[in-house]
Amino acid sequence: MQVNPKEVAEELLTPQAYKCFNALMVKESHWKDHQNPTSSASGVGQLLKGTYKNLGMKKGESRVSQTVAALSYISRKYGSGGACKAWEHHKKFNWY
C-alpha cells in the first residue's frame, strides 16, 4: 500500500492550512519529486540541501517524507501563521 503525501498533509493540517499548503506545493513542484535545475532545491517542497540539514533531516526518497520535511520547515519558519503565511510569502516573493 502506498501512502499519498496529500492525504498525510490533509490529516495533519486544518482545512484552511491544507488549502494553503496544497497551493504552495502545487506551485513549487506539482507534488512531484524533482531537482530544481538552478539550485540545490529538490523534492515535493523544493527544500535546499542546507534546509534539510538545519532541520536535522536528510532528504528522503518518498514524497511523504519530503512533505513532512516541508511541513517541519514551515512550522519553524512561520510559526502559528503556518502554511497560509508561507503561501502569502510565496505569492509576494516567489519563494517561501
Protein backbone atom coordinates (compact mmCIF):
# COMPACT_ATOMS: atom_id res chain seq x y z
CA MET A 1 0.00 0.00 0.00
CA GLN A 2 1.40 3.37 -0.99
CA VAL A 3 0.76 6.40 1.21
CA ASN A 4 -0.40 9.57 -0.52
CA PRO A 5 1.51 12.68 0.66
CA LYS A 6 -1.54 14.89 0.08
CA GLU A 7 -3.61 12.72 2.39
CA VAL A 8 -0.90 12.88 5.08
CA ALA A 9 -0.81 16.68 4.89
CA GLU A 10 -4.60 16.86 4.93
CA GLU A 11 -4.68 14.74 8.12
CA LEU A 12 -2.08 16.94 9.83
CA LEU A 13 -3.48 20.36 8.91
CA THR A 14 -6.71 22.27 9.35
CA PRO A 15 -8.79 22.57 6.17
CA GLN A 16 -7.65 26.17 5.61
CA ALA A 17 -3.99 25.37 6.28
CA TYR A 18 -4.20 22.40 3.92
CA LYS A 19 -5.66 24.63 1.20
CA CYS A 20 -2.67 26.98 1.55
CA PHE A 21 -0.16 24.13 1.78
CA ASN A 22 -1.61 22.43 -1.28
CA ALA A 23 -1.43 25.68 -3.28
CA LEU A 24 2.19 26.07 -2.21
CA MET A 25 3.18 22.50 -3.13
CA VAL A 26 1.39 22.75 -6.49
CA LYS A 27 3.27 25.96 -7.25
CA GLU A 28 6.62 24.58 -6.07
CA SER A 29 6.56 21.06 -7.53
CA HIS A 30 3.08 19.91 -8.50
CA TRP A 31 3.61 17.39 -5.66
CA LYS A 32 6.40 15.71 -7.66
CA ASP A 33 9.89 14.77 -6.50
CA HIS A 34 12.26 16.58 -8.81
CA GLN A 35 15.50 18.54 -8.72
CA ASN A 36 15.49 22.27 -9.41
CA PRO A 37 17.92 22.80 -12.30
CA THR A 38 19.11 26.18 -10.97
CA SER A 39 19.72 25.36 -7.27
CA SER A 40 20.09 22.53 -4.77
CA ALA A 41 16.33 22.62 -4.11
CA SER A 42 14.60 19.31 -4.62
CA GLY A 43 11.63 17.22 -3.68
CA VAL A 44 7.98 18.00 -3.14
CA GLY A 45 8.72 21.07 -1.02
CA GLN A 46 11.73 22.15 -3.09
CA LEU A 47 13.85 22.44 0.05
CA LEU A 48 17.55 23.23 -0.20
CA LYS A 49 20.17 20.71 0.94
CA GLY A 50 21.09 23.09 3.76
CA THR A 51 17.46 23.31 4.87
CA TYR A 52 17.27 19.56 5.36
CA LYS A 53 20.49 19.72 7.36
CA ASN A 54 19.20 22.60 9.51
CA LEU A 55 16.06 20.60 10.22
CA GLY A 56 18.21 17.65 11.31
CA MET A 57 16.83 15.62 8.42
CA LYS A 58 18.10 14.09 5.23
CA LYS A 59 16.12 14.21 2.02
CA GLY A 60 14.04 11.10 1.92
CA GLU A 61 13.20 9.31 -1.27
CA SER A 62 9.48 9.23 -0.59
CA ARG A 63 7.19 12.16 -1.29
CA VAL A 64 5.66 11.59 2.16
CA SER A 65 8.98 12.19 3.95
CA GLN A 66 9.58 15.24 1.75
CA THR A 67 6.12 16.54 2.68
CA VAL A 68 6.86 16.07 6.38
CA ALA A 69 10.13 17.97 5.91
CA ALA A 70 8.31 20.83 4.16
CA LEU A 71 5.75 20.97 6.98
CA SER A 72 8.56 20.99 9.56
CA TYR A 73 10.32 23.82 7.75
CA ILE A 74 7.13 25.86 7.50
CA SER A 75 6.37 25.31 11.17
CA ARG A 76 9.82 26.52 12.22
CA LYS A 77 9.91 29.48 9.86
CA TYR A 78 6.32 30.73 10.04
CA GLY A 79 5.20 29.55 13.48
CA SER A 80 1.49 29.87 14.15
CA GLY A 81 0.96 31.50 10.73
CA GLY A 82 1.93 28.16 9.22
CA ALA A 83 1.17 27.20 5.68
CA CYS A 84 -1.01 30.23 4.95
CA LYS A 85 1.73 32.63 5.98
CA ALA A 86 4.20 30.65 3.84
CA TRP A 87 1.78 30.80 0.88
CA GLU A 88 1.33 34.58 1.30
CA HIS A 89 5.12 34.99 1.36
CA HIS A 90 5.46 32.86 -1.76
CA LYS A 91 2.90 34.94 -3.63
CA LYS A 92 4.91 38.10 -2.87
CA PHE A 93 8.47 36.79 -3.36
CA ASN A 94 8.11 33.55 -5.38
CA TRP A 95 9.77 31.52 -2.63
CA TYR A 96 8.90 30.51 0.91
